[in-house]
Amino acid sequence: MNKSPTAITVKELSAVWCALLISLAAMVFFGPVARAETVDEIIAKYVQAHGGMEKIKAIQAIRISGKLNSGAFQAKVLRENKRASKVREEVTINGMTHVRAYDGNSPWQVNPFMGRKEPELLSEDDAKSLVVDADIDGPLVDYKQKGHKAEFVGHDSVEGTDCYKIKLTLKNGDIQIYYLDADSFLELKLERQITIRGAVKENETYYGDYEEINGMYFPFAVETAQKGDPDRTKISVEKVELNVSLEDSLFSMPAARPETKAAVAPK
């Protein structure tokens, strides 16, 4: 006997209920129309994950020190930031220290590894990463006021962890892509695309071992390399000091020492 058009079996009814329950579950977990978070909502959670805007803005100066391992050699590293837009970065190997600094106006360096013991100004291109590092809050915080542009560009995985991808186009035209843990909203990876003398250079940095300091979270393990290079330079952070006393002179380019002429023996 043929079944009437309105008849339905227990098995078919069960299938209908199953589909309905799946639909309801989707509404509960993903929202009525699976609404995606906006880029500003994600960045707001990133700010909160790092301790919140009030704590971030309360930092007037910070010192981060640690060790760098790259291949066969080790180095001591130091970075000091002071509000507003001041940074000093040091790498010390075998008693020699490479200094790069920016006081908000002039980027400069002392690079004894290139035989240069006197301070010298950096070109605009060579100073790009240093000027970005001078932003004590980081480029994502108040990005609109800084002239940057942020876009949410989807999800990706970093070593098995689902992440939100935020593309930040800096005011200078360079690009940074943040991979924020979809659960904690802390950054796990940062890709940088920097244009130097017409050529685009790409590198990537991985962050881990976050620790809480005064209600704020900082990565204590940092690895960086050219994009696609499996050999990463590793930095182990040993100490993070907040609101330390830093003199402005640390960031200003010192005057070159006058050359001393060799004494001429009397005739």
Protein backbone atom coordinates (compact mmCIF):
# COMPACT_ATOMS: atom_id res chain seq x y z
CA MET A 1 0.00 0.00 0.00
CA ASN A 2 1.30 3.44 -0.92
CA LYS A 3 1.82 5.89 1.94
CA SER A 4 -0.38 9.02 1.84
CA PRO A 5 1.37 12.34 1.24
CA THR A 6 0.72 13.42 4.85
CA ALA A 7 1.88 10.22 6.50
CA ILE A 8 5.31 10.16 8.20
CA THR A 9 7.17 7.32 9.86
CA VAL A 10 8.76 7.39 13.31
CA LYS A 11 12.17 7.24 11.66
CA GLU A 12 11.38 10.24 9.47
CA LEU A 13 10.00 12.17 12.46
CA SER A 14 13.19 11.43 14.38
CA ALA A 15 15.24 12.82 11.49
CA VAL A 16 13.15 16.01 11.49
CA TRP A 17 13.68 16.49 15.23
CA CYS A 18 17.40 15.86 14.84
CA ALA A 19 17.68 18.52 12.16
CA LEU A 20 15.69 20.95 14.29
CA LEU A 21 17.90 20.36 17.33
CA ILE A 22 21.03 20.94 15.23
CA SER A 23 19.53 24.18 13.96
CA LEU A 24 18.69 25.32 17.50
CA ALA A 25 22.18 24.43 18.71
CA ALA A 26 23.66 26.51 15.92
CA MET A 27 21.54 29.47 17.00
CA VAL A 28 22.68 29.10 20.60
CA PHE A 29 26.40 28.81 19.83
CA PHE A 30 26.74 31.00 16.80
CA GLY A 31 23.93 33.51 17.18
CA PRO A 32 20.77 34.01 15.14
CA VAL A 33 22.64 34.61 11.89
CA ALA A 34 26.17 33.58 12.93
CA ARG A 35 27.24 37.24 13.26
CA ALA A 36 30.96 37.73 12.90
CA GLU A 37 32.78 39.98 15.33
CA THR A 38 33.94 43.30 13.94
CA VAL A 39 37.59 44.30 13.88
CA ASP A 40 37.00 46.89 16.61
CA GLU A 41 35.34 44.30 18.86
CA ILE A 42 38.31 41.97 18.43
CA ILE A 43 40.81 44.74 19.13
CA ALA A 44 38.82 45.79 22.21
CA LYS A 45 39.16 42.21 23.53
CA TYR A 46 42.87 42.28 22.68
CA VAL A 47 43.24 45.43 24.79
CA GLN A 48 41.29 43.84 27.65
CA ALA A 49 43.39 40.67 27.42
CA HIS A 50 46.52 42.74 28.00
CA GLY A 51 45.06 44.29 31.14
CA GLY A 52 42.66 46.92 29.85
CA MET A 53 43.08 50.44 28.56
CA GLU A 54 43.48 52.03 32.00
CA LYS A 55 46.46 49.85 32.91
CA ILE A 56 48.01 50.24 29.46
CA LYS A 57 47.81 54.03 29.60
CA ALA A 58 49.18 54.05 33.15
CA ILE A 59 52.54 52.77 31.92
CA GLN A 60 54.85 55.74 31.49
CA ALA A 61 58.04 53.73 30.99
CA ILE A 62 59.04 50.10 30.62
CA ARG A 63 62.30 48.13 30.57
CA ILE A 64 62.51 44.61 29.11
CA SER A 65 65.73 42.61 29.39
CA GLY A 66 66.68 39.12 28.33
CA LYS A 67 68.94 36.85 26.29
CA LEU A 68 69.08 36.25 22.56
CA ASN A 69 70.12 32.95 21.00
CA SER A 70 70.85 32.74 17.29
CA GLY A 71 72.80 29.81 15.97
CA ALA A 72 76.11 29.56 17.76
CA PHE A 73 76.14 32.87 19.59
CA GLN A 74 74.31 34.45 22.50
CA ALA A 75 73.68 38.08 23.29
CA LYS A 76 72.14 40.22 25.98
CA VAL A 77 69.20 42.33 24.83
CA LEU A 78 67.59 45.36 26.39
CA ARG A 79 64.67 47.50 25.30
CA GLU A 80 63.50 50.64 27.08
CA ASN A 81 60.42 52.67 26.18
CA LYS A 82 59.20 55.95 27.57
CA ARG A 83 56.06 57.89 26.80
CA ALA A 84 55.76 59.51 24.41
CA SER A 85 57.46 57.86 21.39
CA LYS A 86 60.86 57.15 22.91
CA VAL A 87 62.72 53.85 22.56
CA ARG A 88 66.23 52.50 23.06
CA GLU A 89 67.27 49.00 21.99
CA GLU A 90 70.61 47.37 22.83
CA VAL A 91 72.26 44.12 21.76
CA THR A 92 75.49 43.25 23.61
CA ILE A 93 77.94 40.59 22.40
CA ASN A 94 81.40 40.05 23.86
CA GLY A 95 81.41 43.43 25.56
CA MET A 96 80.35 45.39 22.45
CA THR A 97 76.91 46.98 22.32
CA HIS A 98 74.88 47.91 19.26
CA VAL A 99 72.52 50.76 20.23
CA ARG A 100 69.48 51.93 18.26
CA ALA A 101 67.36 54.72 19.71
CA TYR A 102 64.67 57.25 18.89
CA ASP A 103 63.70 60.29 20.95
CA GLY A 104 60.52 61.13 19.05
CA ASN A 105 62.41 63.24 16.51
CA SER A 106 65.74 61.71 15.50
CA PRO A 107 66.48 57.98 15.00
CA TRP A 108 70.13 57.06 15.52
CA GLN A 109 72.49 54.21 16.23
CA VAL A 110 75.96 53.24 17.40
CA ASN A 111 77.11 50.08 15.64
CA PRO A 112 80.57 48.92 16.72
CA PHE A 113 80.10 45.66 14.80
CA MET A 114 80.41 47.72 11.61
CA GLY A 115 83.45 49.56 12.96
CA ARG A 116 81.45 52.66 13.85
CA LYS A 117 81.96 53.81 17.40
CA GLU A 118 80.34 57.23 17.01
CA PRO A 119 76.55 57.84 16.87
CA GLU A 120 75.03 58.28 13.43
CA LEU A 121 71.58 59.20 12.20
CA LEU A 122 69.47 56.49 10.59
CA SER A 123 67.72 56.98 7.27
CA GLU A 124 63.93 57.08 7.23
CA ASP A 125 63.75 53.57 5.76
CA ASP A 126 66.31 52.06 8.16
CA ALA A 127 64.47 53.61 11.12
CA LYS A 128 60.99 52.31 10.21
CA SER A 129 60.87 49.39 12.65
CA LEU A 130 62.48 51.48 15.39
CA VAL A 131 59.84 54.22 15.10
CA VAL A 132 57.07 51.59 15.30
CA ASP A 133 58.76 50.10 18.39
CA ALA A 134 58.67 53.56 19.99
CA ASP A 135 54.89 53.26 20.37
CA ILE A 136 54.76 52.11 23.99
CA ASP A 137 51.11 51.00 23.67
CA GLY A 138 51.61 49.09 20.42
CA PRO A 139 50.12 50.03 17.03
CA LEU A 140 46.75 48.30 17.58
CA VAL A 141 45.85 50.49 20.56
CA ASP A 142 44.05 53.65 19.36
CA TYR A 143 44.99 52.70 15.81
CA LYS A 144 42.54 55.15 14.21
CA GLN A 145 43.95 58.15 16.07
CA LYS A 146 47.43 57.10 14.92
CA GLY A 147 46.39 57.08 11.27
CA HIS A 148 46.51 53.29 10.82
CA LYS A 149 43.87 51.13 9.14
CA ALA A 150 42.70 47.80 10.60
CA GLU A 151 40.82 44.99 8.86
CA PHE A 152 39.55 41.61 10.03
CA VAL A 153 40.74 39.16 7.38
CA GLY A 154 39.45 35.86 8.77
CA HIS A 155 40.75 32.94 10.81
CA ASP A 156 44.01 31.00 10.62
CA SER A 157 45.87 28.49 12.74
CA VAL A 158 49.14 29.06 14.59
CA GLU A 159 50.67 25.76 15.67
CA GLY A 160 47.20 24.24 16.01
CA THR A 161 45.54 27.20 17.75
CA ASP A 162 42.66 29.00 16.03
CA CYS A 163 43.39 32.71 15.63
CA TYR A 164 41.71 35.88 14.43
CA LYS A 165 43.76 37.63 11.73
CA ILE A 166 43.93 41.41 11.89
CA LYS A 167 45.64 43.25 9.04
CA LEU A 168 46.98 46.61 10.17
CA THR A 169 48.16 49.00 7.46
CA LEU A 170 50.41 51.50 9.18
CA LYS A 171 50.38 55.20 8.45
CA ASN A 172 53.73 54.79 6.68
CA GLY A 173 52.28 52.15 4.34
CA ASP A 174 53.91 49.09 5.91
CA ILE A 175 51.72 46.14 6.89
CA GLN A 176 51.46 44.12 10.09
CA ILE A 177 49.27 41.02 10.37
CA TYR A 178 48.34 39.99 13.90
CA TYR A 179 47.29 36.45 14.79
CA LEU A 180 45.24 36.71 18.00
CA ASP A 181 44.30 33.59 19.95
CA ALA A 182 40.55 33.15 19.44
CA ASP A 183 40.15 32.28 23.14
CA SER A 184 42.60 34.54 24.99
CA PHE A 185 42.90 37.33 22.35
CA LEU A 186 46.65 37.52 23.04
CA GLU A 187 48.90 37.67 19.99
CA LEU A 188 50.60 34.42 19.04
CA LYS A 189 52.19 35.60 15.81
CA LEU A 190 52.97 38.83 14.00
CA GLU A 191 53.89 39.14 10.33
CA ARG A 192 55.58 42.32 9.14
CA GLN A 193 55.92 43.61 5.59
CA ILE A 194 58.36 46.54 5.51
CA THR A 195 59.32 48.44 2.36
CA ILE A 196 62.96 49.51 2.47
CA ARG A 197 64.44 51.33 -0.51
CA GLY A 198 61.71 49.96 -2.75
CA ALA A 199 62.09 46.31 -1.68
CA VAL A 200 59.55 44.53 0.55
CA LYS A 201 61.08 42.63 3.45
CA GLU A 202 58.93 40.14 5.34
CA ASN A 203 59.53 38.64 8.75
CA GLU A 204 57.44 36.86 11.33
CA THR A 205 57.54 36.79 15.12
CA TYR A 206 56.03 34.19 17.45
CA TYR A 207 55.02 34.95 21.04
CA GLY A 208 54.50 32.59 23.98
CA ASP A 209 54.98 31.91 27.70
CA TYR A 210 52.80 34.83 28.74
CA GLU A 211 53.18 35.92 32.35
CA GLU A 212 51.11 38.31 34.43
CA ILE A 213 52.75 41.41 35.86
CA ASN A 214 50.60 43.86 37.82
CA GLY A 215 47.47 42.59 36.08
CA MET A 216 49.00 42.81 32.59
CA TYR A 217 50.23 40.02 30.32
CA PHE A 218 53.63 39.98 28.59
CA PRO A 219 55.26 37.29 26.42
CA PHE A 220 58.46 35.86 27.88
CA ALA A 221 59.35 33.76 24.82
CA VAL A 222 59.81 35.49 21.46
CA GLU A 223 61.04 33.90 18.23
CA THR A 224 61.65 35.77 15.00
CA ALA A 225 62.90 35.02 11.49
CA GLN A 226 62.56 35.99 7.88
CA LYS A 227 59.24 34.69 6.59
CA GLY A 228 59.44 31.00 5.78
CA ASP A 229 62.84 30.50 7.47
CA PRO A 230 62.64 27.64 10.02
CA ASP A 231 65.74 28.91 11.86
CA ARG A 232 64.36 31.45 14.30
CA THR A 233 66.23 33.80 16.55
CA LYS A 234 65.01 33.15 20.10
CA ILE A 235 64.69 35.75 22.82
CA SER A 236 64.10 34.66 26.40
CA VAL A 237 62.76 37.56 28.44
CA GLU A 238 64.18 37.56 31.95
CA LYS A 239 62.66 40.68 33.43
CA VAL A 240 59.90 43.20 32.71
CA GLU A 241 59.99 46.41 34.77
CA LEU A 242 57.08 48.85 34.66
CA ASN A 243 57.30 52.60 35.29
CA VAL A 244 61.04 52.61 35.84
CA SER A 245 62.86 55.93 35.95
CA LEU A 246 64.40 56.64 32.53
CA GLU A 247 66.20 59.87 31.70
CA ASP A 248 65.33 61.53 28.38
CA SER A 249 69.05 61.66 27.58
CA LEU A 250 69.03 57.87 27.10
CA PHE A 251 67.03 58.33 23.90
CA SER A 252 68.71 61.45 22.50
CA MET A 253 71.60 61.19 20.10
CA PRO A 254 74.83 62.11 21.93
CA ALA A 255 77.22 64.55 20.40
CA ALA A 256 80.13 63.00 18.58
CA ARG A 257 83.36 63.18 20.52
CA PRO A 258 85.95 65.52 19.00
CA GLU A 259 88.79 63.72 17.25
CA THR A 260 92.00 63.67 19.22
CA LYS A 261 95.10 64.30 17.12
CA ALA A 262 98.20 62.34 17.86
CA ALA A 263 100.84 64.37 19.70
CA VAL A 264 103.72 65.50 17.55
CA ALA A 265 107.12 64.86 19.06
CA PRO A 266 109.19 68.02 19.41
CA LYS A 267 112.09 68.36 17.05
